[in-house]
C-alpha atoms as a PDB file:
ATOM      1  CA  UNK A   1     154.336  53.261 118.935  1.00  0.00           C
ATOM      2  CA  UNK A   2     156.297  53.632 122.138  1.00  0.00           C
ATOM      3  CA  UNK A   3     155.532  50.068 123.267  1.00  0.00           C
ATOM      4  CA  UNK A   4     156.617  48.734 119.871  1.00  0.00           C
ATOM      5  CA  UNK A   5     159.906  50.616 120.139  1.00  0.00           C
ATOM      6  CA  UNK A   6     160.447  49.382 123.712  1.00  0.00           C
ATOM      7  CA  UNK A   7     159.811  45.766 122.725  1.00  0.00           C
ATOM      8  CA  UNK A   8     162.172  46.108 119.749  1.00  0.00           C
ATOM      9  CA  UNK A   9     164.947  47.506 121.954  1.00  0.00           C
ATOM     10  CA  UNK A  10     164.400  44.739 124.507  1.00  0.00           C
ATOM     11  CA  UNK A  11     164.573  42.078 121.779  1.00  0.00           C
ATOM     12  CA  UNK A  12     167.806  43.534 120.400  1.00  0.00           C
ATOM     13  CA  UNK A  13     169.335  43.684 123.882  1.00  0.00           C
ATOM     14  CA  UNK A  14     168.467  40.036 124.542  1.00  0.00           C
ATOM     15  CA  UNK A  15     169.847  39.008 121.143  1.00  0.00           C
ATOM     16  CA  UNK A  16     173.117  40.847 121.845  1.00  0.00           C
ATOM     17  CA  UNK A  17     173.352  39.208 125.256  1.00  0.00           C
ATOM     18  CA  UNK A  18     172.731  35.763 123.766  1.00  0.00           C
ATOM     19  CA  UNK A  19     175.349  36.255 121.035  1.00  0.00           C
ATOM     20  CA  UNK A  20     178.016  37.530 123.422  1.00  0.00           C
ATOM     21  CA  UNK A  21     177.631  34.749 125.972  1.00  0.00           C
ATOM     22  CA  UNK A  22     180.925  33.138 127.034  1.00  0.00           C
ATOM     23  CA  UNK A  23     181.662  29.459 126.669  1.00  0.00           C
ATOM     24  CA  UNK A  24     181.251  27.826 130.124  1.00  0.00           C
ATOM     25  CA  UNK A  25     184.071  25.342 129.391  1.00  0.00           C
ATOM     26  CA  UNK A  26     186.555  28.132 128.599  1.00  0.00           C
ATOM     27  CA  UNK A  27     186.863  30.455 131.625  1.00  0.00           C
ATOM     28  CA  UNK A  28     189.184  32.946 129.876  1.00  0.00           C
ATOM     29  CA  UNK A  29     186.989  33.348 126.827  1.00  0.00           C
ATOM     30  CA  UNK A  30     189.890  32.786 124.444  1.00  0.00           C
ATOM     31  CA  UNK A  31     189.571  30.842 121.248  1.00  0.00           C
ATOM     32  CA  UNK A  32     191.707  27.857 120.387  1.00  0.00           C
ATOM     33  CA  UNK A  33     193.655  27.604 117.152  1.00  0.00           C
ATOM     34  CA  UNK A  34     191.936  24.277 116.442  1.00  0.00           C
ATOM     35  CA  UNK A  35     188.508  25.850 115.951  1.00  0.00           C
ATOM     36  CA  UNK A  36     189.450  27.688 112.721  1.00  0.00           C
ATOM     37  CA  UNK A  37     188.132  26.905 109.262  1.00  0.00           C
ATOM     38  CA  UNK A  38     190.191  24.340 107.385  1.00  0.00           C
ATOM     39  CA  UNK A  39     190.219  24.091 103.580  1.00  0.00           C
ATOM     40  CA  UNK A  40     192.398  22.139 101.222  1.00  0.00           C
ATOM     41  CA  UNK A  41     195.249  23.741  99.294  1.00  0.00           C
ATOM     42  CA  UNK A  42     193.517  23.196  95.944  1.00  0.00           C
ATOM     43  CA  UNK A  43     190.360  25.011  97.049  1.00  0.00           C
ATOM     44  CA  UNK A  44     192.398  27.899  98.426  1.00  0.00           C
ATOM     45  CA  UNK A  45     194.407  28.187  95.203  1.00  0.00           C
ATOM     46  CA  UNK A  46     191.230  28.246  93.133  1.00  0.00           C
ATOM     47  CA  UNK A  47     190.136  31.229  95.203  1.00  0.00           C
ATOM     48  CA  UNK A  48     193.360  33.209  95.035  1.00  0.00           C
ATOM     49  CA  UNK A  49     194.773  32.243  91.650  1.00  0.00           C
ATOM     50  CA  UNK A  50     196.331  35.183  89.772  1.00  0.00           C
ATOM     51  CA  UNK A  51     195.817  35.749  86.093  1.00  0.00           C
ATOM     52  CA  UNK A  52     198.936  35.540  83.963  1.00  0.00           C
ATOM     53  CA  UNK A  53     200.031  38.721  82.200  1.00  0.00           C
ATOM     54  CA  UNK A  54     199.407  38.129  78.531  1.00  0.00           C
ATOM     55  CA  UNK A  55     200.623  41.314  76.870  1.00  0.00           C
ATOM     56  CA  UNK A  56     203.514  43.730  77.265  1.00  0.00           C
ATOM     57  CA  UNK A  57     201.097  46.618  77.933  1.00  0.00           C
ATOM     58  CA  UNK A  58     199.532  44.815  80.913  1.00  0.00           C
ATOM     59  CA  UNK A  59     202.970  44.096  82.328  1.00  0.00           C
ATOM     60  CA  UNK A  60     204.057  47.720  81.795  1.00  0.00           C
ATOM     61  CA  UNK A  61     200.895  49.221  83.301  1.00  0.00           C
ATOM     62  CA  UNK A  62     201.321  47.096  86.423  1.00  0.00           C
ATOM     63  CA  UNK A  63     204.755  48.565  87.195  1.00  0.00           C
ATOM     64  CA  UNK A  64     204.441  52.176  85.942  1.00  0.00           C
ATOM     65  CA  UNK A  65     201.748  54.696  86.843  1.00  0.00           C
ATOM     66  CA  UNK A  66     199.925  56.779  84.271  1.00  0.00           C
ATOM     67  CA  UNK A  67     200.468  60.554  84.247  1.00  0.00           C
ATOM     68  CA  UNK A  68     196.912  61.182  85.439  1.00  0.00           C
ATOM     69  CA  UNK A  69     197.403  58.834  88.387  1.00  0.00           C
ATOM     70  CA  UNK A  70     200.630  60.656  89.304  1.00  0.00           C
ATOM     71  CA  UNK A  71     198.758  63.989  89.169  1.00  0.00           C
ATOM     72  CA  UNK A  72     196.024  62.593  91.438  1.00  0.00           C
ATOM     73  CA  UNK A  73     198.642  61.495  93.963  1.00  0.00           C
ATOM     74  CA  UNK A  74     200.375  64.880  93.800  1.00  0.00           C
ATOM     75  CA  UNK A  75     197.074  66.627  94.510  1.00  0.00           C
ATOM     76  CA  UNK A  76     196.159  64.177  97.301  1.00  0.00           C
ATOM     77  CA  UNK A  77     199.492  64.735  99.034  1.00  0.00           C
ATOM     78  CA  UNK A  78     198.965  68.513  99.128  1.00  0.00           C
ATOM     79  CA  UNK A  79     196.121  69.097 101.652  1.00  0.00           C
ATOM     80  CA  UNK A  80     194.737  72.359 100.179  1.00  0.00           C
ATOM     81  CA  UNK A  81     194.495  70.763  96.731  1.00  0.00           C
ATOM     82  CA  UNK A  82     192.904  67.626  98.184  1.00  0.00           C
ATOM     83  CA  UNK A  83     190.304  69.690 100.052  1.00  0.00           C
ATOM     84  CA  UNK A  84     189.525  71.832  97.011  1.00  0.00           C
ATOM     85  CA  UNK A  85     189.233  68.771  94.774  1.00  0.00           C
ATOM     86  CA  UNK A  86     186.437  67.518  97.021  1.00  0.00           C
ATOM     87  CA  UNK A  87     184.650  70.840  96.557  1.00  0.00           C
ATOM     88  CA  UNK A  88     185.082  71.688  92.859  1.00  0.00           C
ATOM     89  CA  UNK A  89     186.578  68.570  91.291  1.00  0.00           C
ATOM     90  CA  UNK A  90     190.050  67.288  90.583  1.00  0.00           C
ATOM     91  CA  UNK A  91     190.845  69.025  87.251  1.00  0.00           C
ATOM     92  CA  UNK A  92     189.970  72.515  88.474  1.00  0.00           C
ATOM     93  CA  UNK A  93     191.780  72.036  91.805  1.00  0.00           C
ATOM     94  CA  UNK A  94     194.907  70.722  90.084  1.00  0.00           C
ATOM     95  CA  UNK A  95     194.896  73.651  87.644  1.00  0.00           C
ATOM     96  CA  UNK A  96     194.482  76.085  90.533  1.00  0.00           C
ATOM     97  CA  UNK A  97     197.499  74.836  92.495  1.00  0.00           C
ATOM     98  CA  UNK A  98     199.847  73.313  89.928  1.00  0.00           C
ATOM     99  CA  UNK A  99     198.916  74.901  86.620  1.00  0.00           C
ATOM    100  CA  UNK A 100     197.760  73.324  83.385  1.00  0.00           C
ATOM    101  CA  UNK A 101     198.215  69.611  83.039  1.00  0.00           C
END
């Protein structure tokens, strides 16, 4: 068991050494800006394209927070409430510090 563990550690050390080897042509070890990944604008837009807001409710919910979300933020900003919510749950912690919601 011990020899298996030693050989595994040695293999991992050699793999880390091989992966971290510097480029002999670049003495400073810095990367050039030319070596980055290049993709076309159309491919990038297909990746990042936003959905259009179709209804008034979706538009409204994007800009205004729900009351429950505001209560969560109020509890998170008060450290004793945040700590207690991890222990007993959010509703009971909020009721303990801020009363009935």
